[in-house]
């Protein structure tokens, strides 16, 4: 296995530039997920790694080898597509073995490899069936088997679960995670589904409009988004964002965010000025109905209680801005309709500059 390095990669179609000089290094055996909205450049980036799209500028290296001008078949990568891309006239075993036959490997070696992959993916009972006789999840496992059997340096996944229903997506996420742990393969995975990104990735690469907004572990990106875009994209539901103005109390180190007529206490270590316009961010999961010594109260006007079984989403407004609180129901939701305020741990409140959207970080050494 080996790593992948993108150095100032640019992709343009004529005069229209869609990927703007991105830099990324995928370590050996790492599972990296490119995530972002439709049209952000993530699939184009993946296809440039695969060799299916020509690189306009920059350098792409696989296993420290420059591959900009190397044909896809010679890059030693395997790609799993959204639409499975199986041969309908071949059975499962023949689909898995197709690449090995092209390489003219021996019949014995092919049969052994197909048998091993069939066992790994739970496809042994289906080896003689054709794709039309399989479920969506089984077809996607065949597509993965065809990639695995080649033992490439890098696995590439282009939204492989988007055609599956919700239950199958959950099952396949778990299978892909187990498969990665078993094979230790270098993998680059593209999705628009941030839940997939959070559950699968060693590191997440958040993309927007052809640039990388943030790279980090799932928890780094979730807990410390670098800007309002990442804060609003990662998380389900995403981070609440409310416009506010900083207010300092005279003769005190206390900081508050003034939202309408209400004051929300802030961490005292933030480098902010009195009167500064900010965006206050707080995750729905971090809003509680029960106050404690470390929390600050936030008055809300409740609009809707959405029940999800063991949890409920409280849809409300704060100074005319919609916000969501996520809370446990404990089998009772009637009392939730009486909620008039929620409580946020002061340490978990995030601030962003109202003009740039960039996160306001704590003072160094604090």
Foldseek 3Di string as FASTA:
>chain_A
DAKKWWAQWWDADVPRTQAGGETDIFGQLFEEEEAEDPSLCQVVVLCQLLQNGQTPDTFMDIRNHTCNPPHNVPSQEAEQEQVLPFDQVQFLLCRLLVVVVVVVDDPVLSVVLSVVLCVLLVNVVRRRHGPVPDDLLSSSSSSVSSRVSSVGQEYEYEQNCPVDDPVSSVVVLVSVQVVSVVSSHRYYYYDNDLVSNLSRGCKYFYTGRNYTQDIDHSVCLQQPPFFPVSQCRHDVNGKFKAKFFWADDPPDLWIWTCFPNDTATADSQFPDDHGFIKIKIAHLAQKALDDDPQKTKAFWAWDDWADDDQKIWTWTDGSNGTDIHIGGQNPHCPCVNVRGMIIGRNVRMWIAHPPPRGTGDGDPPD
